[in-house]
């Protein structure tokens, strides 16, 4: 496959059974064939998207010493600010050319989980930053819930199979700033080739060249969405759960051509995570004689911890 397919979430949430089934088939085929899809008809309004970009640009434009006070020690970067070059892809030592912020879950009705997750970090200098971040988080979480409902039906599960696992899940909204490149990068790219850890990722800001997806033939394909679309991909947790029926696709953000080195790039992924207790044991209906079980049983929390160590965000 050499292009990213497009689907419209409104087909799934419509009252029309044919449209709903069409969405399920198209989404399932895209995730089995390339692991990425461009999604329109989501729950983010144009106004909310515009406001979010205004706020995150204001944050990343703050003086470095101001941003540094929001880098919280001891929580593996789960909330607040992570400075330039700190994160690297699995298996690499060179840091990616980016800085980012993390908004995390706003726990409702669960004291145990509220205790488990770090608190969100409030930015004193920007009165609207946290409010806009929370609104965006909620709308992306709602969008992700319906995408997972469609995938559950594609996999022969109950439509609401994922609902209880993602309620108050450990999901992360990550505004990323790739600053202008000022000197020849030494083996570093804006984001080195990697797979995502989580169930699914919903990406805002894939409107220009830069994001590339590796198809099953090992070729790199440009992944460019329309301004009204989110790019959605399968993460390693979902790949593991489905015994690789749904593919977690390797992707990267390459450096721009030299004439564009002086420009910033912003992208905003939402990493949909379940609660830590969710078992990622391969689903029975994804295992057969031709597809033997490929992965050992593990929980989402255990898997996340392993991967954060590999990424250099927490110590082993």
Protein backbone atom coordinates (compact mmCIF):
# COMPACT_ATOMS: atom_id res chain seq x y z
CA UNK A 1 0.00 0.00 0.00
CA UNK A 2 1.48 3.35 -1.06
CA UNK A 3 -1.07 5.85 0.29
CA UNK A 4 -2.86 6.41 3.60
CA UNK A 5 -6.62 5.61 3.31
CA UNK A 6 -9.24 8.13 4.52
CA UNK A 7 -12.39 7.40 6.55
CA UNK A 8 -15.18 9.53 8.06
CA UNK A 9 -16.16 8.86 11.67
CA UNK A 10 -19.62 10.31 11.02
CA UNK A 11 -20.35 7.15 8.99
CA UNK A 12 -19.83 5.09 12.15
CA UNK A 13 -21.88 7.28 14.48
CA UNK A 14 -24.72 7.69 11.95
CA UNK A 15 -27.94 5.72 12.30
CA UNK A 16 -27.31 4.08 8.93
CA UNK A 17 -26.18 0.41 9.38
CA UNK A 18 -24.65 0.31 5.86
CA UNK A 19 -22.52 3.39 6.51
CA UNK A 20 -21.49 2.03 9.90
CA UNK A 21 -20.44 -1.31 8.39
CA UNK A 22 -18.55 0.47 5.58
CA UNK A 23 -16.56 2.43 8.17
CA UNK A 24 -15.73 -0.72 10.15
CA UNK A 25 -14.52 -2.52 7.01
CA UNK A 26 -12.45 0.41 5.73
CA UNK A 27 -10.86 1.12 9.12
CA UNK A 28 -10.08 -2.56 9.72
CA UNK A 29 -8.55 -2.98 6.26
CA UNK A 30 -6.40 0.14 6.68
CA UNK A 31 -5.10 -0.99 10.06
CA UNK A 32 -4.35 -4.50 8.79
CA UNK A 33 -2.66 -3.30 5.59
CA UNK A 34 -0.64 -0.25 6.67
CA UNK A 35 -1.60 0.56 10.29
CA UNK A 36 -2.51 4.21 9.54
CA UNK A 37 -5.67 6.02 8.49
CA UNK A 38 -6.69 9.67 7.97
CA UNK A 39 -9.93 10.38 9.89
CA UNK A 40 -12.41 13.20 9.32
CA UNK A 41 -15.70 13.70 11.17
CA UNK A 42 -14.05 13.72 14.61
CA UNK A 43 -15.17 15.72 17.66
CA UNK A 44 -12.61 18.57 17.52
CA UNK A 45 -14.02 21.91 16.37
CA UNK A 46 -11.95 24.22 14.16
CA UNK A 47 -12.07 26.86 16.90
CA UNK A 48 -10.67 24.50 19.54
CA UNK A 49 -7.84 23.41 17.23
CA UNK A 50 -6.98 27.03 16.45
CA UNK A 51 -6.97 27.99 20.13
CA UNK A 52 -4.77 25.04 21.05
CA UNK A 53 -2.11 25.98 18.47
CA UNK A 54 -2.13 29.57 19.76
CA UNK A 55 -1.57 28.36 23.34
CA UNK A 56 1.16 25.81 22.60
CA UNK A 57 3.09 28.27 20.43
CA UNK A 58 2.92 30.76 23.31
CA UNK A 59 4.26 28.11 25.69
CA UNK A 60 7.19 27.01 23.52
CA UNK A 61 8.05 30.69 22.89
CA UNK A 62 8.52 31.28 26.64
CA UNK A 63 12.11 31.84 27.81
CA UNK A 64 13.96 28.55 28.39
CA UNK A 65 14.38 29.24 32.11
CA UNK A 66 10.59 29.62 32.44
CA UNK A 67 9.93 26.35 30.58
CA UNK A 68 12.56 24.58 32.69
CA UNK A 69 10.61 25.16 35.90
CA UNK A 70 7.84 22.95 34.45
CA UNK A 71 10.18 19.98 33.92
CA UNK A 72 9.26 17.80 36.91
CA UNK A 73 11.90 15.41 38.22
CA UNK A 74 11.09 11.81 39.09
CA UNK A 75 7.94 11.21 37.03
CA UNK A 76 9.52 10.02 33.76
CA UNK A 77 8.17 12.99 31.82
CA UNK A 78 4.58 11.86 32.33
CA UNK A 79 3.34 15.43 32.97
CA UNK A 80 4.58 18.91 32.16
CA UNK A 81 7.60 19.83 30.07
CA UNK A 82 10.36 17.66 28.55
CA UNK A 83 13.29 19.65 27.20
CA UNK A 84 14.97 19.45 23.80
CA UNK A 85 16.81 16.24 22.90
CA UNK A 86 15.91 14.31 26.06
CA UNK A 87 13.82 11.51 24.48
CA UNK A 88 15.22 9.01 22.00
CA UNK A 89 13.67 6.19 19.99
CA UNK A 90 13.95 2.59 21.21
CA UNK A 91 17.38 1.23 20.33
CA UNK A 92 18.91 4.68 19.68
CA UNK A 93 21.23 6.76 21.86
CA UNK A 94 20.84 10.06 19.97
CA UNK A 95 18.07 12.33 21.29
CA UNK A 96 15.27 13.48 18.97
CA UNK A 97 15.25 17.13 17.84
CA UNK A 98 12.16 18.13 19.79
CA UNK A 99 10.74 19.48 23.06
CA UNK A 100 7.25 18.66 24.28
CA UNK A 101 4.53 19.00 26.94
CA UNK A 102 2.31 16.33 28.47
CA UNK A 103 -1.31 16.70 29.54
CA UNK A 104 -2.54 13.55 31.31
CA UNK A 105 -5.83 12.02 32.46
CA UNK A 106 -8.44 14.02 34.37
CA UNK A 107 -9.61 11.19 36.64
CA UNK A 108 -13.31 10.95 37.48
CA UNK A 109 -14.80 8.79 40.27
CA UNK A 110 -11.69 6.72 40.99
CA UNK A 111 -9.56 7.70 43.98
CA UNK A 112 -7.09 4.84 43.39
CA UNK A 113 -6.27 5.98 39.85
CA UNK A 114 -6.17 9.64 40.91
CA UNK A 115 -3.46 8.56 43.35
CA UNK A 116 -1.61 6.48 40.70
CA UNK A 117 -1.32 9.22 38.05
CA UNK A 118 0.78 12.38 38.53
CA UNK A 119 -1.15 15.66 38.68
CA UNK A 120 -1.35 17.84 35.60
CA UNK A 121 1.05 20.79 35.71
CA UNK A 122 -0.44 24.30 35.65
CA UNK A 123 1.32 27.00 33.61
CA UNK A 124 1.12 30.26 35.58
CA UNK A 125 2.14 32.49 32.68
CA UNK A 126 -0.67 31.37 30.34
CA UNK A 127 -4.17 31.57 31.87
CA UNK A 128 -5.91 29.65 29.03
CA UNK A 129 -3.25 26.99 28.34
CA UNK A 130 -4.49 24.29 30.73
CA UNK A 131 -8.20 24.88 30.01
CA UNK A 132 -7.72 24.54 26.23
CA UNK A 133 -5.47 21.51 26.77
CA UNK A 134 -8.14 19.78 28.85
CA UNK A 135 -10.91 20.46 26.30
CA UNK A 136 -8.75 19.05 23.50
CA UNK A 137 -7.85 16.00 25.60
CA UNK A 138 -11.54 15.24 26.21
CA UNK A 139 -12.55 15.57 22.54
CA UNK A 140 -9.68 13.36 21.35
CA UNK A 141 -10.50 10.79 24.03
CA UNK A 142 -14.12 10.75 22.84
CA UNK A 143 -13.00 10.33 19.21
CA UNK A 144 -10.65 7.48 20.19
CA UNK A 145 -13.47 5.70 22.06
CA UNK A 146 -15.56 5.44 18.87
CA UNK A 147 -12.59 4.35 16.76
CA UNK A 148 -11.93 1.55 19.26
CA UNK A 149 -15.61 0.58 19.21
CA UNK A 150 -15.36 0.14 15.43
CA UNK A 151 -12.18 -1.90 15.84
CA UNK A 152 -13.85 -4.10 18.46
CA UNK A 153 -16.59 -4.97 15.97
CA UNK A 154 -13.98 -5.59 13.26
CA UNK A 155 -12.26 -8.06 15.61
CA UNK A 156 -15.50 -9.90 16.40
CA UNK A 157 -15.75 -8.50 19.96
CA UNK A 158 -18.55 -6.70 21.75
CA UNK A 159 -18.74 -3.10 20.49
CA UNK A 160 -18.00 -1.73 23.98
CA UNK A 161 -15.12 -4.18 24.70
CA UNK A 162 -12.58 -1.36 25.20
CA UNK A 163 -14.86 1.11 27.03
CA UNK A 164 -14.15 0.00 30.60
CA UNK A 165 -10.39 -0.27 29.92
CA UNK A 166 -10.06 3.26 28.50
CA UNK A 167 -12.29 5.06 31.03
CA UNK A 168 -9.79 7.00 33.18
CA UNK A 169 -7.03 5.38 31.09
CA UNK A 170 -3.43 6.57 31.27
CA UNK A 171 -3.74 8.56 28.03
CA UNK A 172 -1.41 11.43 27.14
CA UNK A 173 -1.85 14.55 24.98
CA UNK A 174 1.59 15.65 23.78
CA UNK A 175 2.05 19.01 22.02
CA UNK A 176 5.48 18.77 20.33
CA UNK A 177 7.70 21.58 19.07
CA UNK A 178 10.41 20.72 16.56
CA UNK A 179 12.53 23.92 16.66
CA UNK A 180 14.33 25.38 13.64
CA UNK A 181 17.49 23.42 12.78
CA UNK A 182 20.50 25.71 13.25
CA UNK A 183 23.39 23.39 12.39
CA UNK A 184 24.03 20.12 10.57
CA UNK A 185 22.33 17.40 12.70
CA UNK A 186 24.75 14.63 13.72
CA UNK A 187 22.70 11.50 12.98
CA UNK A 188 19.68 13.11 14.66
CA UNK A 189 16.22 13.55 13.15
CA UNK A 190 13.14 15.28 14.48
CA UNK A 191 11.73 11.91 15.54
CA UNK A 192 13.64 8.71 14.75
CA UNK A 193 11.87 5.64 13.36
CA UNK A 194 9.67 4.10 16.08
CA UNK A 195 6.40 2.37 16.90
CA UNK A 196 4.04 3.88 19.47
CA UNK A 197 3.57 2.13 22.80
CA UNK A 198 -0.18 2.61 23.30
CA UNK A 199 -3.46 1.26 21.83
CA UNK A 200 -4.00 3.92 19.16
CA UNK A 201 -2.53 7.38 18.48
CA UNK A 202 -4.55 10.31 17.15
CA UNK A 203 -2.28 12.92 15.56
CA UNK A 204 -3.06 16.56 14.93
CA UNK A 205 -0.71 18.54 12.71
CA UNK A 206 0.21 16.04 9.97
CA UNK A 207 -0.61 18.62 7.29
CA UNK A 208 2.83 19.16 5.78
CA UNK A 209 5.58 16.81 4.68
CA UNK A 210 7.71 15.29 7.41
CA UNK A 211 5.77 12.34 8.84
CA UNK A 212 6.62 9.09 7.03
CA UNK A 213 5.15 5.60 7.47
CA UNK A 214 6.93 2.36 6.60
CA UNK A 215 4.65 0.06 4.61
CA UNK A 216 4.85 -3.75 4.65
CA UNK A 217 7.36 -3.70 1.78
CA UNK A 218 9.74 -1.59 3.86
CA UNK A 219 9.11 1.56 1.75
CA UNK A 220 8.67 4.98 3.38
CA UNK A 221 5.34 6.63 2.49
CA UNK A 222 4.56 10.31 3.17
CA UNK A 223 1.61 10.58 5.57
CA UNK A 224 -0.14 13.89 4.95
CA UNK A 225 -3.65 14.62 6.24
CA UNK A 226 -6.06 17.37 5.23
CA UNK A 227 -6.42 20.20 7.78
CA UNK A 228 -9.76 18.73 8.94
CA UNK A 229 -8.32 15.23 9.46
CA UNK A 230 -6.54 13.39 12.25
CA UNK A 231 -3.92 10.79 11.37
CA UNK A 232 -4.61 7.64 13.43
CA UNK A 233 -2.29 4.69 13.87
CA UNK A 234 -2.10 1.37 15.69
CA UNK A 235 0.20 1.23 18.71
CA UNK A 236 2.20 -1.70 20.05
CA UNK A 237 -0.38 -2.53 22.76
CA UNK A 238 -3.15 -3.06 20.20
CA UNK A 239 -0.79 -4.95 17.91
CA UNK A 240 0.11 -7.25 20.79
CA UNK A 241 -3.53 -7.70 21.88
CA UNK A 242 -4.53 -8.71 18.32
CA UNK A 243 -1.52 -11.03 17.83
CA UNK A 244 -0.27 -8.66 15.08
CA UNK A 245 -3.53 -8.82 13.11
CA UNK A 246 -3.62 -5.03 13.42
CA UNK A 247 -0.17 -3.70 12.57
CA UNK A 248 1.77 -1.24 14.69
CA UNK A 249 3.55 0.63 11.92
CA UNK A 250 7.04 2.08 12.18
CA UNK A 251 7.02 5.82 11.45
CA UNK A 252 9.38 8.80 11.67
CA UNK A 253 9.50 12.58 11.37
CA UNK A 254 12.32 13.44 9.00
CA UNK A 255 14.24 16.70 8.91
CA UNK A 256 12.99 19.20 6.33
CA UNK A 257 15.01 20.18 3.26
CA UNK A 258 17.81 22.64 4.08
CA UNK A 259 15.84 25.65 2.78
CA UNK A 260 13.19 24.98 5.48
CA UNK A 261 15.62 24.45 8.38
CA UNK A 262 14.67 27.86 9.75
CA UNK A 263 11.05 26.84 10.37
CA UNK A 264 9.44 25.27 13.42
CA UNK A 265 7.13 22.27 13.15
CA UNK A 266 4.33 21.57 15.63
CA UNK A 267 2.45 18.31 15.98
CA UNK A 268 0.07 17.13 18.68
CA UNK A 269 -0.38 13.38 19.19
CA UNK A 270 -2.91 11.94 21.62
CA UNK A 271 -1.69 8.56 22.89
CA UNK A 272 -4.72 6.48 23.91
CA UNK A 273 -3.69 4.25 26.80
CA UNK A 274 -5.88 1.90 28.84
CA UNK A 275 -5.78 1.54 32.62
CA UNK A 276 -2.67 -0.29 33.87
CA UNK A 277 -4.59 -3.47 34.75
CA UNK A 278 -5.78 -4.13 31.19
CA UNK A 279 -4.47 -7.54 30.07
CA UNK A 280 -2.72 -7.41 26.70
CA UNK A 281 -2.92 -11.21 26.33
CA UNK A 282 -3.47 -12.14 22.67
CA UNK A 283 -7.20 -12.39 21.91
CA UNK A 284 -8.39 -15.94 21.35
CA UNK A 285 -10.08 -15.03 18.07
CA UNK A 286 -6.76 -13.68 16.71
CA UNK A 287 -4.98 -17.01 17.26
CA UNK A 288 -5.28 -20.01 14.94
CA UNK A 289 -3.13 -22.64 13.22
CA UNK A 290 -1.79 -20.12 10.70
CA UNK A 291 -1.33 -17.41 13.35
CA UNK A 292 0.08 -18.99 16.52
CA UNK A 293 0.33 -16.86 19.64
CA UNK A 294 3.34 -14.54 19.25
CA UNK A 295 3.48 -12.71 22.61
CA UNK A 296 3.68 -13.62 26.30
CA UNK A 297 0.88 -12.43 28.59
CA UNK A 298 1.46 -8.99 30.11
CA UNK A 299 -0.58 -6.07 31.48
CA UNK A 300 -0.65 -2.62 29.92
CA UNK A 301 1.08 -1.14 32.97
CA UNK A 302 3.94 -3.65 32.85
CA UNK A 303 4.39 -3.14 29.12
CA UNK A 304 4.41 0.67 29.46
CA UNK A 305 7.04 0.52 32.19
CA UNK A 306 9.31 -1.69 30.05
CA UNK A 307 9.06 0.72 27.14
CA UNK A 308 9.66 3.90 29.18
CA UNK A 309 12.92 2.35 30.37
CA UNK A 310 13.89 1.58 26.75
CA UNK A 311 13.11 5.18 25.74
CA UNK A 312 15.35 6.59 28.45
CA UNK A 313 12.50 8.39 30.21
CA UNK A 314 12.72 6.36 33.43
CA UNK A 315 15.60 4.44 35.00
CA UNK A 316 15.47 0.63 34.99
